[in-house]
Amino acid sequence: MTAIAYKAGDLLSLSPDMVNRPRPGPFEVLRVMPSRDNAEEQYRVRGPDGRERVIGHHEIVGNGGAGAKI
């Protein structure tokens, strides 16, 4: 299992979706979810549109504002 790199309240930027559409952020981490079977960390996040989703660690491209926190 890898170390958890993000915690609740952190802001993230995400990679484009499966059809290469940008996902404008920032996305706020709401909670750390249990790891997937392949040990990849998962996070519950809320986007600027107010919708929540679960993302894998591989979808994160950086902080949404240089270590920004809400």
N, C-alpha and C. Protein backbone atom coordinates (compact mmCIF):
# COMPACT_ATOMS: atom_id res chain seq x y z
N MET A 1 0.84 -1.17 0.00
CA MET A 1 0.00 0.00 0.00
C MET A 1 0.89 1.24 0.00
N THR A 2 0.48 2.25 -0.73
CA THR A 2 1.26 3.47 -0.81
C THR A 2 0.85 4.44 0.28
N ALA A 3 1.71 5.41 0.54
CA ALA A 3 1.38 6.43 1.53
C ALA A 3 0.30 7.35 0.96
N ILE A 4 -0.58 7.80 1.82
CA ILE A 4 -1.64 8.70 1.39
C ILE A 4 -1.04 10.08 1.17
N ALA A 5 -1.19 10.58 -0.04
CA ALA A 5 -0.57 11.85 -0.40
C ALA A 5 -1.51 13.03 -0.15
N TYR A 6 -2.79 12.79 -0.09
CA TYR A 6 -3.76 13.88 0.05
C TYR A 6 -4.71 13.57 1.19
N LYS A 7 -5.28 14.62 1.78
CA LYS A 7 -6.22 14.45 2.89
C LYS A 7 -7.43 15.35 2.67
N ALA A 8 -8.45 15.14 3.47
CA ALA A 8 -9.68 15.94 3.36
C ALA A 8 -9.35 17.43 3.43
N GLY A 9 -9.96 18.18 2.50
CA GLY A 9 -9.75 19.62 2.43
C GLY A 9 -8.75 20.05 1.39
N ASP A 10 -7.89 19.12 0.93
CA ASP A 10 -6.91 19.47 -0.11
C ASP A 10 -7.63 19.72 -1.43
N LEU A 11 -7.05 20.59 -2.25
CA LEU A 11 -7.60 20.89 -3.58
C LEU A 11 -6.71 20.26 -4.64
N LEU A 12 -7.33 19.63 -5.65
CA LEU A 12 -6.61 18.88 -6.67
C LEU A 12 -7.01 19.31 -8.07
N SER A 13 -6.11 19.07 -9.01
CA SER A 13 -6.42 19.17 -10.44
C SER A 13 -6.40 17.75 -10.98
N LEU A 14 -7.31 17.45 -11.90
CA LEU A 14 -7.42 16.10 -12.45
C LEU A 14 -7.03 16.07 -13.92
N SER A 15 -6.57 14.90 -14.36
CA SER A 15 -6.24 14.69 -15.76
C SER A 15 -7.53 14.69 -16.58
N PRO A 16 -7.44 14.85 -17.90
CA PRO A 16 -8.64 14.79 -18.75
C PRO A 16 -9.36 13.45 -18.59
N ASP A 17 -10.66 13.44 -18.89
CA ASP A 17 -11.45 12.21 -18.75
C ASP A 17 -11.12 11.22 -19.87
N MET A 18 -11.89 10.13 -19.95
CA MET A 18 -11.59 9.05 -20.89
C MET A 18 -11.69 9.46 -22.36
N VAL A 19 -12.45 10.49 -22.66
CA VAL A 19 -12.56 10.95 -24.05
C VAL A 19 -11.77 12.24 -24.25
N ASN A 20 -10.80 12.46 -23.35
CA ASN A 20 -9.85 13.57 -23.43
C ASN A 20 -10.47 14.96 -23.25
N ARG A 21 -11.62 15.02 -22.56
CA ARG A 21 -12.21 16.31 -22.22
C ARG A 21 -11.58 16.80 -20.93
N PRO A 22 -11.24 18.08 -20.86
CA PRO A 22 -10.66 18.60 -19.61
C PRO A 22 -11.69 18.55 -18.48
N ARG A 23 -11.20 18.38 -17.27
CA ARG A 23 -12.06 18.40 -16.08
C ARG A 23 -11.64 19.62 -15.25
N PRO A 24 -12.30 20.75 -15.50
CA PRO A 24 -11.91 21.97 -14.78
C PRO A 24 -12.13 21.82 -13.28
N GLY A 25 -11.21 22.33 -12.53
CA GLY A 25 -11.27 22.20 -11.08
C GLY A 25 -11.22 23.55 -10.43
N PRO A 26 -10.81 23.62 -9.24
CA PRO A 26 -10.21 22.53 -8.46
C PRO A 26 -11.26 21.59 -7.88
N PHE A 27 -10.80 20.39 -7.51
CA PHE A 27 -11.63 19.39 -6.87
C PHE A 27 -11.20 19.29 -5.41
N GLU A 28 -12.16 19.35 -4.51
CA GLU A 28 -11.86 19.26 -3.07
C GLU A 28 -11.94 17.81 -2.61
N VAL A 29 -10.91 17.34 -1.92
CA VAL A 29 -10.92 16.00 -1.34
C VAL A 29 -11.86 16.01 -0.15
N LEU A 30 -12.89 15.14 -0.18
CA LEU A 30 -13.83 15.04 0.93
C LEU A 30 -13.40 13.98 1.92
N ARG A 31 -12.88 12.86 1.40
CA ARG A 31 -12.37 11.79 2.28
C ARG A 31 -11.53 10.81 1.47
N VAL A 32 -10.68 10.10 2.18
CA VAL A 32 -9.87 9.04 1.58
C VAL A 32 -10.69 7.77 1.65
N MET A 33 -10.79 7.08 0.52
CA MET A 33 -11.57 5.85 0.42
C MET A 33 -10.64 4.65 0.56
N PRO A 34 -11.20 3.45 0.80
CA PRO A 34 -10.35 2.26 0.83
C PRO A 34 -9.64 2.06 -0.51
N SER A 35 -8.46 1.48 -0.45
CA SER A 35 -7.68 1.23 -1.67
C SER A 35 -8.38 0.22 -2.57
N ARG A 36 -8.08 0.34 -3.86
CA ARG A 36 -8.59 -0.64 -4.83
C ARG A 36 -7.82 -1.94 -4.67
N ASP A 37 -8.24 -2.98 -5.38
CA ASP A 37 -7.56 -4.28 -5.31
C ASP A 37 -6.10 -4.18 -5.70
N ASN A 38 -5.77 -3.21 -6.58
CA ASN A 38 -4.38 -3.07 -7.01
C ASN A 38 -3.59 -2.13 -6.08
N ALA A 39 -4.14 -1.81 -4.92
CA ALA A 39 -3.52 -0.98 -3.88
C ALA A 39 -3.46 0.50 -4.24
N GLU A 40 -4.15 0.92 -5.30
CA GLU A 40 -4.18 2.33 -5.64
C GLU A 40 -5.12 3.07 -4.69
N GLU A 41 -4.65 4.20 -4.16
CA GLU A 41 -5.48 5.01 -3.28
C GLU A 41 -6.65 5.61 -4.06
N GLN A 42 -7.79 5.76 -3.39
CA GLN A 42 -8.97 6.39 -3.98
C GLN A 42 -9.42 7.53 -3.07
N TYR A 43 -10.02 8.54 -3.70
CA TYR A 43 -10.46 9.73 -2.97
C TYR A 43 -11.87 10.09 -3.40
N ARG A 44 -12.69 10.51 -2.45
CA ARG A 44 -14.00 11.09 -2.76
C ARG A 44 -13.78 12.58 -2.89
N VAL A 45 -14.15 13.16 -4.04
CA VAL A 45 -13.91 14.57 -4.30
C VAL A 45 -15.19 15.27 -4.74
N ARG A 46 -15.22 16.59 -4.57
CA ARG A 46 -16.33 17.42 -5.05
C ARG A 46 -15.76 18.43 -6.02
N GLY A 47 -16.36 18.51 -7.20
CA GLY A 47 -15.91 19.46 -8.22
C GLY A 47 -16.60 20.80 -8.07
N PRO A 48 -16.19 21.77 -8.89
CA PRO A 48 -16.79 23.10 -8.83
C PRO A 48 -18.28 23.09 -9.20
N ASP A 49 -18.74 22.03 -9.86
CA ASP A 49 -20.16 21.91 -10.21
C ASP A 49 -20.99 21.37 -9.05
N GLY A 50 -20.33 21.03 -7.93
CA GLY A 50 -21.03 20.53 -6.75
C GLY A 50 -21.24 19.03 -6.73
N ARG A 51 -20.91 18.35 -7.84
CA ARG A 51 -21.09 16.90 -7.88
C ARG A 51 -19.90 16.20 -7.23
N GLU A 52 -20.20 15.07 -6.58
CA GLU A 52 -19.16 14.27 -5.96
C GLU A 52 -18.86 13.07 -6.83
N ARG A 53 -17.61 12.62 -6.76
CA ARG A 53 -17.19 11.43 -7.51
C ARG A 53 -16.01 10.80 -6.79
N VAL A 54 -15.73 9.54 -7.13
CA VAL A 54 -14.56 8.83 -6.60
C VAL A 54 -13.53 8.79 -7.70
N ILE A 55 -12.29 9.15 -7.34
CA ILE A 55 -11.20 9.13 -8.32
C ILE A 55 -10.06 8.27 -7.79
N GLY A 56 -9.28 7.73 -8.71
CA GLY A 56 -8.07 7.01 -8.35
C GLY A 56 -6.89 7.96 -8.31
N HIS A 57 -5.87 7.58 -7.58
CA HIS A 57 -4.68 8.43 -7.44
C HIS A 57 -4.06 8.76 -8.80
N HIS A 58 -4.17 7.85 -9.77
CA HIS A 58 -3.57 8.06 -11.09
C HIS A 58 -4.24 9.21 -11.86
N GLU A 59 -5.43 9.63 -11.45
CA GLU A 59 -6.15 10.71 -12.14
C GLU A 59 -5.73 12.10 -11.70
N ILE A 60 -4.92 12.19 -10.65
CA ILE A 60 -4.50 13.48 -10.10
C ILE A 60 -3.25 13.97 -10.82
N VAL A 61 -3.30 15.22 -11.29
CA VAL A 61 -2.13 15.78 -11.97
C VAL A 61 -1.43 16.84 -11.13
N GLY A 62 -2.02 17.24 -10.04
CA GLY A 62 -1.35 18.21 -9.17
C GLY A 62 -2.32 18.86 -8.21
N ASN A 63 -1.76 19.72 -7.39
CA ASN A 63 -2.59 20.47 -6.44
C ASN A 63 -3.38 21.51 -7.20
N GLY A 64 -4.57 21.79 -6.74
CA GLY A 64 -5.43 22.77 -7.37
C GLY A 64 -5.02 24.20 -7.09
N GLY A 65 -3.99 24.35 -6.30
CA GLY A 65 -3.55 25.70 -5.98
C GLY A 65 -2.35 25.69 -5.07
N ALA A 66 -1.32 24.94 -5.43
CA ALA A 66 -0.06 24.89 -4.69
C ALA A 66 -0.29 24.64 -3.21
N GLY A 67 -0.87 23.49 -2.89
CA GLY A 67 -1.10 23.13 -1.51
C GLY A 67 -2.29 23.84 -0.90
N ALA A 68 -3.17 24.32 -1.76
CA ALA A 68 -4.33 25.08 -1.30
C ALA A 68 -5.23 24.20 -0.45
N LYS A 69 -5.89 24.84 0.47
CA LYS A 69 -6.85 24.18 1.35
C LYS A 69 -8.07 25.05 1.49
N ILE A 70 -9.21 24.42 1.64
CA ILE A 70 -10.45 25.19 1.88
C ILE A 70 -10.60 25.35 3.38
